[in-house]
Amino acid sequence: MQILDFTGEEFEAGLPILPINLGDFCANDVLFVEVMMEPTIKVADTAEIVKKGAVVLGRKDS
């Protein structure tokens, strides 16, 4: 197993995470992972995700 931490990464819809506050932002906001509440867990050396991580997003300043 491998634990992934996306803290500080720019948010993209394809990331294996569940943003708990995505509804707080507009569609054109540039977002990043501010806090990893729970890590993403995947099978090592594969792309298989066992559990998506829970995150809090933040808005990047322009």
PDB file of N, CA and C in Angstrom:
ATOM      1  N   MET A   1       0.843  -1.176   0.000  1.00  0.00           N
ATOM      2  CA  MET A   1       0.000   0.000   0.000  1.00  0.00           C
ATOM      3  C   MET A   1       0.885   1.235   0.000  1.00  0.00           C
ATOM      4  N   GLN A   2       0.351   2.299  -0.556  1.00  0.00           N
ATOM      5  CA  GLN A   2       1.058   3.574  -0.604  1.00  0.00           C
ATOM      6  C   GLN A   2       0.090   4.660  -0.157  1.00  0.00           C
ATOM      7  N   ILE A   3       0.579   5.576   0.665  1.00  0.00           N
ATOM      8  CA  ILE A   3      -0.228   6.699   1.139  1.00  0.00           C
ATOM      9  C   ILE A   3       0.161   7.940   0.353  1.00  0.00           C
ATOM     10  N   LEU A   4      -0.850   8.624  -0.198  1.00  0.00           N
ATOM     11  CA  LEU A   4      -0.616   9.827  -1.000  1.00  0.00           C
ATOM     12  C   LEU A   4      -1.138  11.048  -0.252  1.00  0.00           C
ATOM     13  N   ASP A   5      -0.359  12.119  -0.304  1.00  0.00           N
ATOM     14  CA  ASP A   5      -0.724  13.383   0.329  1.00  0.00           C
ATOM     15  C   ASP A   5      -0.662  14.466  -0.743  1.00  0.00           C
ATOM     16  N   PHE A   6      -1.788  15.103  -1.021  1.00  0.00           N
ATOM     17  CA  PHE A   6      -1.862  16.120  -2.071  1.00  0.00           C
ATOM     18  C   PHE A   6      -1.829  17.546  -1.520  1.00  0.00           C
ATOM     19  N   THR A   7      -1.449  17.722  -0.275  1.00  0.00           N
ATOM     20  CA  THR A   7      -1.397  19.052   0.335  1.00  0.00           C
ATOM     21  C   THR A   7      -0.544  19.990  -0.524  1.00  0.00           C
ATOM     22  N   GLY A   8      -1.115  21.157  -0.850  1.00  0.00           N
ATOM     23  CA  GLY A   8      -0.408  22.158  -1.633  1.00  0.00           C
ATOM     24  C   GLY A   8      -0.553  21.994  -3.138  1.00  0.00           C
ATOM     25  N   GLU A   9      -1.084  20.854  -3.588  1.00  0.00           N
ATOM     26  CA  GLU A   9      -1.252  20.602  -5.024  1.00  0.00           C
ATOM     27  C   GLU A   9      -2.450  21.377  -5.561  1.00  0.00           C
ATOM     28  N   GLU A  10      -2.346  21.804  -6.820  1.00  0.00           N
ATOM     29  CA  GLU A  10      -3.481  22.444  -7.470  1.00  0.00           C
ATOM     30  C   GLU A  10      -4.585  21.415  -7.647  1.00  0.00           C
ATOM     31  N   PHE A  11      -5.822  21.805  -7.366  1.00  0.00           N
ATOM     32  CA  PHE A  11      -6.955  20.893  -7.474  1.00  0.00           C
ATOM     33  C   PHE A  11      -7.302  20.649  -8.929  1.00  0.00           C
ATOM     34  N   GLU A  12      -7.458  19.375  -9.275  1.00  0.00           N
ATOM     35  CA  GLU A  12      -7.944  18.952 -10.586  1.00  0.00           C
ATOM     36  C   GLU A  12      -9.022  17.912 -10.345  1.00  0.00           C
ATOM     37  N   ALA A  13     -10.033  17.908 -11.180  1.00  0.00           N
ATOM     38  CA  ALA A  13     -11.169  17.003 -10.993  1.00  0.00           C
ATOM     39  C   ALA A  13     -10.755  15.533 -11.000  1.00  0.00           C
ATOM     40  N   GLY A  14      -9.675  15.155 -11.653  1.00  0.00           N
ATOM     41  CA  GLY A  14      -9.268  13.766 -11.748  1.00  0.00           C
ATOM     42  C   GLY A  14      -8.469  13.242 -10.571  1.00  0.00           C
ATOM     43  N   LEU A  15      -8.138  14.090  -9.603  1.00  0.00           N
ATOM     44  CA  LEU A  15      -7.377  13.626  -8.444  1.00  0.00           C
ATOM     45  C   LEU A  15      -8.223  12.661  -7.610  1.00  0.00           C
ATOM     46  N   PRO A  16      -7.593  11.649  -7.015  1.00  0.00           N
ATOM     47  CA  PRO A  16      -8.344  10.684  -6.203  1.00  0.00           C
ATOM     48  C   PRO A  16      -8.608  11.217  -4.793  1.00  0.00           C
ATOM     49  N   ILE A  17      -9.395  12.285  -4.739  1.00  0.00           N
ATOM     50  CA  ILE A  17      -9.722  12.931  -3.468  1.00  0.00           C
ATOM     51  C   ILE A  17     -11.195  13.311  -3.449  1.00  0.00           C
ATOM     52  N   LEU A  18     -11.715  13.509  -2.253  1.00  0.00           N
ATOM     53  CA  LEU A  18     -13.093  13.962  -2.064  1.00  0.00           C
ATOM     54  C   LEU A  18     -13.056  15.308  -1.344  1.00  0.00           C
ATOM     55  N   PRO A  19     -13.225  16.421  -2.086  1.00  0.00           N
ATOM     56  CA  PRO A  19     -13.213  17.744  -1.455  1.00  0.00           C
ATOM     57  C   PRO A  19     -14.495  17.958  -0.653  1.00  0.00           C
ATOM     58  N   ILE A  20     -14.335  18.288   0.617  1.00  0.00           N
ATOM     59  CA  ILE A  20     -15.521  18.450   1.465  1.00  0.00           C
ATOM     60  C   ILE A  20     -16.139  19.841   1.369  1.00  0.00           C
ATOM     61  N   ASN A  21     -15.434  20.788   0.745  1.00  0.00           N
ATOM     62  CA  ASN A  21     -15.973  22.151   0.653  1.00  0.00           C
ATOM     63  C   ASN A  21     -15.996  22.679  -0.774  1.00  0.00           C
ATOM     64  N   LEU A  22     -16.072  21.810  -1.766  1.00  0.00           N
ATOM     65  CA  LEU A  22     -16.053  22.235  -3.168  1.00  0.00           C
ATOM     66  C   LEU A  22     -17.191  23.209  -3.492  1.00  0.00           C
ATOM     67  N   GLY A  23     -18.331  23.039  -2.858  1.00  0.00           N
ATOM     68  CA  GLY A  23     -19.484  23.903  -3.102  1.00  0.00           C
ATOM     69  C   GLY A  23     -19.302  25.338  -2.649  1.00  0.00           C
ATOM     70  N   ASP A  24     -18.219  25.629  -1.922  1.00  0.00           N
ATOM     71  CA  ASP A  24     -17.971  26.988  -1.438  1.00  0.00           C
ATOM     72  C   ASP A  24     -17.346  27.896  -2.496  1.00  0.00           C
ATOM     73  N   PHE A  25     -17.023  27.347  -3.663  1.00  0.00           N
ATOM     74  CA  PHE A  25     -16.273  28.093  -4.673  1.00  0.00           C
ATOM     75  C   PHE A  25     -17.034  28.190  -5.983  1.00  0.00           C
ATOM     76  N   CYS A  26     -16.616  29.157  -6.821  1.00  0.00           N
ATOM     77  CA  CYS A  26     -17.179  29.327  -8.153  1.00  0.00           C
ATOM     78  C   CYS A  26     -16.424  28.443  -9.141  1.00  0.00           C
ATOM     79  N   ALA A  27     -17.047  28.162 -10.266  1.00  0.00           N
ATOM     80  CA  ALA A  27     -16.460  27.279 -11.284  1.00  0.00           C
ATOM     81  C   ALA A  27     -15.138  27.811 -11.830  1.00  0.00           C
ATOM     82  N   ASN A  28     -14.956  29.135 -11.863  1.00  0.00           N
ATOM     83  CA  ASN A  28     -13.732  29.702 -12.443  1.00  0.00           C
ATOM     84  C   ASN A  28     -12.637  29.958 -11.407  1.00  0.00           C
ATOM     85  N   ASP A  29     -12.860  29.612 -10.129  1.00  0.00           N
ATOM     86  CA  ASP A  29     -11.830  29.768  -9.094  1.00  0.00           C
ATOM     87  C   ASP A  29     -10.699  28.762  -9.324  1.00  0.00           C
ATOM     88  N   VAL A  30      -9.474  29.186  -9.105  1.00  0.00           N
ATOM     89  CA  VAL A  30      -8.321  28.289  -9.147  1.00  0.00           C
ATOM     90  C   VAL A  30      -8.112  27.796  -7.720  1.00  0.00           C
ATOM     91  N   LEU A  31      -8.210  26.484  -7.539  1.00  0.00           N
ATOM     92  CA  LEU A  31      -8.197  25.908  -6.199  1.00  0.00           C
ATOM     93  C   LEU A  31      -6.972  25.046  -5.964  1.00  0.00           C
ATOM     94  N   PHE A  32      -6.649  24.854  -4.687  1.00  0.00           N
ATOM     95  CA  PHE A  32      -5.558  23.968  -4.303  1.00  0.00           C
ATOM     96  C   PHE A  32      -5.977  23.196  -3.057  1.00  0.00           C
ATOM     97  N   VAL A  33      -5.283  22.098  -2.800  1.00  0.00           N
ATOM     98  CA  VAL A  33      -5.557  21.282  -1.620  1.00  0.00           C
ATOM     99  C   VAL A  33      -4.886  21.974  -0.432  1.00  0.00           C
ATOM    100  N   GLU A  34      -5.706  22.531   0.434  1.00  0.00           N
ATOM    101  CA  GLU A  34      -5.199  23.267   1.584  1.00  0.00           C
ATOM    102  C   GLU A  34      -4.850  22.312   2.736  1.00  0.00           C
ATOM    103  N   VAL A  35      -5.728  21.334   2.984  1.00  0.00           N
ATOM    104  CA  VAL A  35      -5.516  20.389   4.085  1.00  0.00           C
ATOM    105  C   VAL A  35      -5.977  18.996   3.653  1.00  0.00           C
ATOM    106  N   MET A  36      -5.144  17.987   3.914  1.00  0.00           N
ATOM    107  CA  MET A  36      -5.560  16.589   3.727  1.00  0.00           C
ATOM    108  C   MET A  36      -6.134  16.125   5.066  1.00  0.00           C
ATOM    109  N   MET A  37      -7.425  15.909   5.112  1.00  0.00           N
ATOM    110  CA  MET A  37      -8.068  15.426   6.342  1.00  0.00           C
ATOM    111  C   MET A  37      -7.820  13.923   6.514  1.00  0.00           C
ATOM    112  N   GLU A  38      -7.877  13.189   5.400  1.00  0.00           N
ATOM    113  CA  GLU A  38      -7.602  11.755   5.368  1.00  0.00           C
ATOM    114  C   GLU A  38      -6.784  11.498   4.112  1.00  0.00           C
ATOM    115  N   PRO A  39      -5.753  10.670   4.173  1.00  0.00           N
ATOM    116  CA  PRO A  39      -4.909  10.443   3.004  1.00  0.00           C
ATOM    117  C   PRO A  39      -5.584   9.548   1.964  1.00  0.00           C
ATOM    118  N   THR A  40      -5.102   9.650   0.738  1.00  0.00           N
ATOM    119  CA  THR A  40      -5.498   8.725  -0.312  1.00  0.00           C
ATOM    120  C   THR A  40      -4.618   7.488  -0.179  1.00  0.00           C
ATOM    121  N   ILE A  41      -5.224   6.320  -0.306  1.00  0.00           N
ATOM    122  CA  ILE A  41      -4.470   5.071  -0.202  1.00  0.00           C
ATOM    123  C   ILE A  41      -4.606   4.308  -1.514  1.00  0.00           C
ATOM    124  N   LYS A  42      -3.459   3.863  -2.054  1.00  0.00           N
ATOM    125  CA  LYS A  42      -3.472   3.101  -3.302  1.00  0.00           C
ATOM    126  C   LYS A  42      -2.563   1.897  -3.170  1.00  0.00           C
ATOM    127  N   VAL A  43      -2.751   0.950  -4.083  1.00  0.00           N
ATOM    128  CA  VAL A  43      -1.890  -0.227  -4.134  1.00  0.00           C
ATOM    129  C   VAL A  43      -0.562   0.214  -4.730  1.00  0.00           C
ATOM    130  N   ALA A  44       0.537  -0.101  -4.051  1.00  0.00           N
ATOM    131  CA  ALA A  44       1.869   0.310  -4.511  1.00  0.00           C
ATOM    132  C   ALA A  44       2.150  -0.239  -5.909  1.00  0.00           C
ATOM    133  N   ASP A  45       2.822   0.584  -6.707  1.00  0.00           N
ATOM    134  CA  ASP A  45       3.246   0.222  -8.062  1.00  0.00           C
ATOM    135  C   ASP A  45       2.092  -0.051  -9.015  1.00  0.00           C
ATOM    136  N   THR A  46       0.901   0.446  -8.697  1.00  0.00           N
ATOM    137  CA  THR A  46      -0.255   0.341  -9.588  1.00  0.00           C
ATOM    138  C   THR A  46      -0.999   1.668  -9.546  1.00  0.00           C
ATOM    139  N   ALA A  47      -2.049   1.772 -10.339  1.00  0.00           N
ATOM    140  CA  ALA A  47      -2.907   2.957 -10.309  1.00  0.00           C
ATOM    141  C   ALA A  47      -4.187   2.693  -9.511  1.00  0.00           C
ATOM    142  N   GLU A  48      -4.294   1.515  -8.882  1.00  0.00           N
ATOM    143  CA  GLU A  48      -5.504   1.126  -8.165  1.00  0.00           C
ATOM    144  C   GLU A  48      -5.644   1.899  -6.855  1.00  0.00           C
ATOM    145  N   ILE A  49      -6.735   2.654  -6.756  1.00  0.00           N
ATOM    146  CA  ILE A  49      -7.030   3.433  -5.553  1.00  0.00           C
ATOM    147  C   ILE A  49      -7.879   2.579  -4.621  1.00  0.00           C
ATOM    148  N   VAL A  50      -7.426   2.438  -3.393  1.00  0.00           N
ATOM    149  CA  VAL A  50      -8.158   1.687  -2.375  1.00  0.00           C
ATOM    150  C   VAL A  50      -9.154   2.608  -1.680  1.00  0.00           C
ATOM    151  N   LYS A  51      -8.712   3.840  -1.370  1.00  0.00           N
ATOM    152  CA  LYS A  51      -9.556   4.807  -0.671  1.00  0.00           C
ATOM    153  C   LYS A  51      -9.172   6.218  -1.089  1.00  0.00           C
ATOM    154  N   LYS A  52     -10.176   6.989  -1.495  1.00  0.00           N
ATOM    155  CA  LYS A  52      -9.925   8.393  -1.822  1.00  0.00           C
ATOM    156  C   LYS A  52      -9.763   9.189  -0.538  1.00  0.00           C
ATOM    157  N   GLY A  53      -8.867  10.156  -0.575  1.00  0.00           N
ATOM    158  CA  GLY A  53      -8.634  11.007   0.586  1.00  0.00           C
ATOM    159  C   GLY A  53      -9.663  12.117   0.684  1.00  0.00           C
ATOM    160  N   ALA A  54      -9.881  12.604   1.895  1.00  0.00           N
ATOM    161  CA  ALA A  54     -10.778  13.729   2.135  1.00  0.00           C
ATOM    162  C   ALA A  54      -9.929  14.983   2.312  1.00  0.00           C
ATOM    163  N   VAL A  55     -10.327  16.057   1.610  1.00  0.00           N
ATOM    164  CA  VAL A  55      -9.530  17.283   1.635  1.00  0.00           C
ATOM    165  C   VAL A  55     -10.394  18.521   1.840  1.00  0.00           C
ATOM    166  N   VAL A  56      -9.734  19.573   2.288  1.00  0.00           N
ATOM    167  CA  VAL A  56     -10.309  20.911   2.335  1.00  0.00           C
ATOM    168  C   VAL A  56      -9.582  21.718   1.283  1.00  0.00           C
ATOM    169  N   LEU A  57     -10.343  22.377   0.405  1.00  0.00           N
ATOM    170  CA  LEU A  57      -9.749  23.173  -0.661  1.00  0.00           C
ATOM    171  C   LEU A  57      -9.630  24.639  -0.248  1.00  0.00           C
ATOM    172  N   GLY A  58      -8.690  25.319  -0.878  1.00  0.00           N
ATOM    173  CA  GLY A  58      -8.526  26.756  -0.715  1.00  0.00           C
ATOM    174  C   GLY A  58      -8.454  27.404  -2.085  1.00  0.00           C
ATOM    175  N   ARG A  59      -8.703  28.708  -2.132  1.00  0.00           N
ATOM    176  CA  ARG A  59      -8.653  29.462  -3.389  1.00  0.00           C
ATOM    177  C   ARG A  59      -7.265  30.055  -3.528  1.00  0.00           C
ATOM    178  N   LYS A  60      -6.652  29.863  -4.709  1.00  0.00           N
ATOM    179  CA  LYS A  60      -5.349  30.470  -4.979  1.00  0.00           C
ATOM    180  C   LYS A  60      -5.552  31.937  -5.274  1.00  0.00           C
ATOM    181  N   ASP A  61      -4.660  32.768  -4.746  1.00  0.00           N
ATOM    182  CA  ASP A  61      -4.708  34.198  -5.055  1.00  0.00           C
ATOM    183  C   ASP A  61      -4.215  34.417  -6.467  1.00  0.00           C
ATOM    184  N   SER A  62      -4.825  35.347  -7.155  1.00  0.00           N
ATOM    185  CA  SER A  62      -4.429  35.627  -8.550  1.00  0.00           C
ATOM    186  C   SER A  62      -3.122  36.371  -8.603  1.00  0.00           C
TER     187      SER A  62
END
